[in-house]
N, C-alpha and C. Protein backbone atom coordinates (compact mmCIF):
# COMPACT_ATOMS: atom_id res chain seq x y z
N UNK A 1 0.85 -1.17 0.00
CA UNK A 1 0.00 0.00 0.00
C UNK A 1 0.89 1.23 0.00
N UNK A 2 0.73 2.13 -0.96
CA UNK A 2 1.54 3.35 -0.96
C UNK A 2 1.11 4.26 0.19
N UNK A 3 2.08 4.74 0.92
CA UNK A 3 1.81 5.64 2.03
C UNK A 3 2.42 7.00 1.71
N UNK A 4 2.07 7.99 2.51
CA UNK A 4 2.59 9.32 2.21
C UNK A 4 4.07 9.43 2.55
N UNK A 5 4.69 10.50 2.10
CA UNK A 5 6.15 10.67 2.23
C UNK A 5 6.60 10.66 3.68
N UNK A 6 5.79 11.21 4.59
CA UNK A 6 6.17 11.25 6.00
C UNK A 6 6.32 9.84 6.58
N UNK A 7 5.43 8.95 6.18
CA UNK A 7 5.50 7.57 6.66
C UNK A 7 6.64 6.83 5.98
N UNK A 8 6.76 7.01 4.66
CA UNK A 8 7.83 6.33 3.92
C UNK A 8 9.21 6.78 4.40
N UNK A 9 9.30 7.99 4.95
CA UNK A 9 10.58 8.50 5.45
C UNK A 9 11.08 7.72 6.65
N UNK A 10 10.23 6.93 7.29
CA UNK A 10 10.64 6.14 8.45
C UNK A 10 11.44 4.91 8.07
N UNK A 11 11.59 4.65 6.77
CA UNK A 11 12.35 3.49 6.32
C UNK A 11 13.80 3.58 6.78
N UNK A 12 14.48 2.50 6.99
CA UNK A 12 14.00 1.14 6.85
C UNK A 12 13.14 0.73 8.05
N UNK A 13 12.01 0.13 7.75
CA UNK A 13 11.07 -0.32 8.78
C UNK A 13 11.36 -1.78 9.06
N UNK A 14 11.55 -2.09 10.34
CA UNK A 14 11.91 -3.45 10.72
C UNK A 14 10.71 -4.35 10.97
N UNK A 15 9.69 -3.83 11.61
CA UNK A 15 8.54 -4.66 11.96
C UNK A 15 7.30 -3.78 11.99
N UNK A 16 6.17 -4.32 11.52
CA UNK A 16 4.93 -3.55 11.44
C UNK A 16 3.80 -4.38 12.03
N UNK A 17 2.95 -3.72 12.80
CA UNK A 17 1.75 -4.36 13.35
C UNK A 17 0.60 -3.37 13.29
N UNK A 18 -0.59 -3.86 12.97
CA UNK A 18 -1.79 -3.05 12.97
C UNK A 18 -2.43 -3.16 14.35
N UNK A 19 -2.80 -2.03 14.92
CA UNK A 19 -3.40 -2.01 16.25
C UNK A 19 -4.81 -2.56 16.25
N UNK A 20 -5.34 -2.85 17.44
CA UNK A 20 -6.67 -3.43 17.55
C UNK A 20 -7.78 -2.50 17.07
N UNK A 21 -7.49 -1.20 16.96
CA UNK A 21 -8.51 -0.27 16.46
C UNK A 21 -8.67 -0.35 14.95
N UNK A 22 -7.78 -1.06 14.27
CA UNK A 22 -7.89 -1.26 12.83
C UNK A 22 -7.34 -0.14 11.98
N UNK A 23 -6.81 0.92 12.61
CA UNK A 23 -6.26 2.01 11.80
C UNK A 23 -4.96 2.60 12.36
N UNK A 24 -4.50 2.11 13.49
CA UNK A 24 -3.22 2.59 14.01
C UNK A 24 -2.14 1.58 13.67
N UNK A 25 -1.12 2.06 12.97
CA UNK A 25 -0.01 1.23 12.58
C UNK A 25 1.13 1.45 13.57
N UNK A 26 1.65 0.36 14.11
CA UNK A 26 2.81 0.41 15.02
C UNK A 26 3.98 -0.18 14.27
N UNK A 27 5.11 0.52 14.29
CA UNK A 27 6.27 -0.01 13.58
C UNK A 27 7.55 0.35 14.32
N UNK A 28 8.58 -0.45 14.05
CA UNK A 28 9.90 -0.15 14.60
C UNK A 28 10.81 0.27 13.46
N UNK A 29 11.62 1.28 13.74
CA UNK A 29 12.52 1.80 12.72
C UNK A 29 13.69 2.49 13.39
N UNK A 30 14.82 2.45 12.72
CA UNK A 30 16.00 3.16 13.19
C UNK A 30 16.07 4.58 12.63
N UNK A 31 14.94 5.08 12.17
CA UNK A 31 14.86 6.41 11.58
C UNK A 31 15.37 7.47 12.56
N UNK A 32 16.14 8.41 12.05
CA UNK A 32 16.64 9.54 12.84
C UNK A 32 15.96 10.80 12.32
N UNK A 33 15.37 11.56 13.22
CA UNK A 33 14.71 12.80 12.85
C UNK A 33 15.78 13.87 12.62
N UNK A 34 15.78 14.43 11.43
CA UNK A 34 16.78 15.46 11.09
C UNK A 34 16.50 16.75 11.86
N UNK A 35 17.55 17.43 12.27
CA UNK A 35 17.36 18.68 13.01
C UNK A 35 16.88 19.80 12.10
N UNK A 36 16.15 20.73 12.68
CA UNK A 36 15.73 21.92 11.95
C UNK A 36 16.85 22.96 12.06
N UNK A 37 17.02 23.74 11.02
CA UNK A 37 18.05 24.77 11.03
C UNK A 37 17.42 26.10 10.63
N UNK A 38 17.86 27.23 11.05
CA UNK A 38 18.96 27.44 11.99
C UNK A 38 18.50 27.16 13.42
N UNK A 39 19.46 26.90 14.28
CA UNK A 39 19.15 26.55 15.66
C UNK A 39 19.86 27.50 16.61
N UNK A 40 19.21 27.72 17.74
CA UNK A 40 19.86 28.52 18.78
C UNK A 40 20.48 27.58 19.81
N UNK A 41 21.08 28.13 20.84
CA UNK A 41 21.78 27.32 21.84
C UNK A 41 20.82 26.36 22.54
N UNK A 42 19.63 26.82 22.88
CA UNK A 42 18.66 25.96 23.57
C UNK A 42 18.22 24.80 22.67
N UNK A 43 18.00 25.09 21.40
CA UNK A 43 17.60 24.03 20.46
C UNK A 43 18.72 23.03 20.26
N UNK A 44 19.96 23.50 20.22
CA UNK A 44 21.11 22.58 20.12
C UNK A 44 21.17 21.65 21.32
N UNK A 45 20.95 22.20 22.52
CA UNK A 45 20.99 21.40 23.74
C UNK A 45 19.86 20.38 23.74
N UNK A 46 18.67 20.80 23.30
CA UNK A 46 17.53 19.87 23.23
C UNK A 46 17.81 18.76 22.22
N UNK A 47 18.39 19.12 21.07
CA UNK A 47 18.73 18.12 20.06
C UNK A 47 19.75 17.11 20.57
N UNK A 48 20.72 17.58 21.33
CA UNK A 48 21.72 16.68 21.90
C UNK A 48 21.07 15.72 22.89
N UNK A 49 20.17 16.23 23.72
CA UNK A 49 19.45 15.35 24.67
C UNK A 49 18.65 14.30 23.93
N UNK A 50 17.98 14.69 22.83
CA UNK A 50 17.21 13.72 22.04
C UNK A 50 18.12 12.66 21.43
N UNK A 51 19.29 13.07 20.94
CA UNK A 51 20.23 12.12 20.36
C UNK A 51 20.74 11.14 21.41
N UNK A 52 20.89 11.60 22.63
CA UNK A 52 21.37 10.73 23.70
C UNK A 52 20.24 9.85 24.23
N UNK A 53 19.01 10.26 24.02
CA UNK A 53 17.86 9.54 24.56
C UNK A 53 17.24 8.60 23.53
N UNK A 54 16.59 9.14 22.49
CA UNK A 54 15.85 8.28 21.55
C UNK A 54 16.22 8.51 20.09
N UNK A 55 16.69 9.66 19.71
CA UNK A 55 16.95 9.97 18.30
C UNK A 55 18.38 9.57 17.92
N UNK A 56 18.67 8.29 18.14
CA UNK A 56 20.05 7.82 18.03
C UNK A 56 20.23 6.72 16.98
N UNK A 57 19.21 6.45 16.18
CA UNK A 57 19.32 5.41 15.16
C UNK A 57 18.98 4.03 15.67
N UNK A 58 18.68 3.90 16.97
CA UNK A 58 18.24 2.63 17.51
C UNK A 58 16.78 2.40 17.12
N UNK A 59 16.34 1.17 17.22
CA UNK A 59 14.95 0.87 16.87
C UNK A 59 14.00 1.49 17.88
N UNK A 60 13.20 2.43 17.40
CA UNK A 60 12.17 3.06 18.21
C UNK A 60 10.82 2.61 17.71
N UNK A 61 9.81 2.70 18.55
CA UNK A 61 8.45 2.37 18.16
C UNK A 61 7.76 3.66 17.73
N UNK A 62 7.22 3.64 16.52
CA UNK A 62 6.51 4.78 15.96
C UNK A 62 5.06 4.38 15.76
N UNK A 63 4.16 5.33 15.84
CA UNK A 63 2.75 5.07 15.54
C UNK A 63 2.30 6.00 14.41
N UNK A 64 1.46 5.46 13.56
CA UNK A 64 0.91 6.21 12.44
C UNK A 64 -0.57 5.94 12.39
N UNK A 65 -1.38 7.00 12.38
CA UNK A 65 -2.82 6.84 12.25
C UNK A 65 -3.17 6.76 10.77
N UNK A 66 -3.65 5.61 10.35
CA UNK A 66 -3.99 5.40 8.94
C UNK A 66 -5.40 5.87 8.59
N UNK A 67 -6.16 6.31 9.57
CA UNK A 67 -7.55 6.71 9.33
C UNK A 67 -7.70 7.72 8.20
N UNK A 68 -6.84 8.74 8.09
CA UNK A 68 -7.00 9.68 6.97
C UNK A 68 -6.76 9.05 5.59
N UNK A 69 -6.04 7.95 5.53
CA UNK A 69 -5.74 7.30 4.26
C UNK A 69 -6.78 6.26 3.85
N UNK A 70 -7.58 5.79 4.79
CA UNK A 70 -8.49 4.68 4.52
C UNK A 70 -9.57 5.00 3.49
N UNK A 71 -10.20 6.18 3.49
CA UNK A 71 -11.22 6.45 2.47
C UNK A 71 -10.68 6.35 1.04
N UNK A 72 -9.49 6.90 0.78
CA UNK A 72 -8.95 6.82 -0.58
C UNK A 72 -8.55 5.40 -0.93
N UNK A 73 -8.08 4.64 0.05
CA UNK A 73 -7.74 3.24 -0.21
C UNK A 73 -9.00 2.44 -0.54
N UNK A 74 -10.07 2.66 0.23
CA UNK A 74 -11.33 1.98 -0.06
C UNK A 74 -11.86 2.33 -1.45
N UNK A 75 -11.78 3.61 -1.81
CA UNK A 75 -12.24 4.05 -3.13
C UNK A 75 -11.44 3.38 -4.24
N UNK A 76 -10.12 3.30 -4.06
CA UNK A 76 -9.26 2.68 -5.06
C UNK A 76 -9.56 1.19 -5.18
N UNK A 77 -9.83 0.54 -4.06
CA UNK A 77 -10.13 -0.89 -4.06
C UNK A 77 -11.47 -1.14 -4.76
N UNK A 78 -12.46 -0.29 -4.49
CA UNK A 78 -13.77 -0.45 -5.12
C UNK A 78 -13.68 -0.20 -6.61
N UNK A 79 -12.91 0.80 -7.03
CA UNK A 79 -12.78 1.11 -8.46
C UNK A 79 -12.07 0.01 -9.22
N UNK A 80 -11.19 -0.72 -8.53
CA UNK A 80 -10.42 -1.78 -9.19
C UNK A 80 -11.25 -3.03 -9.42
N UNK A 81 -12.39 -3.15 -8.76
CA UNK A 81 -13.23 -4.37 -8.91
C UNK A 81 -14.02 -4.37 -10.17
């Protein structure tokens, strides 16, 4: 299923599970969030804390709400029949 660029940017995705609500996707990825620029001293310190805590390339658990994508997917599936 093609997903939007924000979700595809989480690649490489190691493991994916659909939540019990039927529209929340849980996945693990070593994705690193790129810093915003320009940054001030406080933002640099916050970025360093994030790198030491979770934004370090280790496998983190991410959640994605697929609910906004479901209507277009359903429409595409119905049109293909």
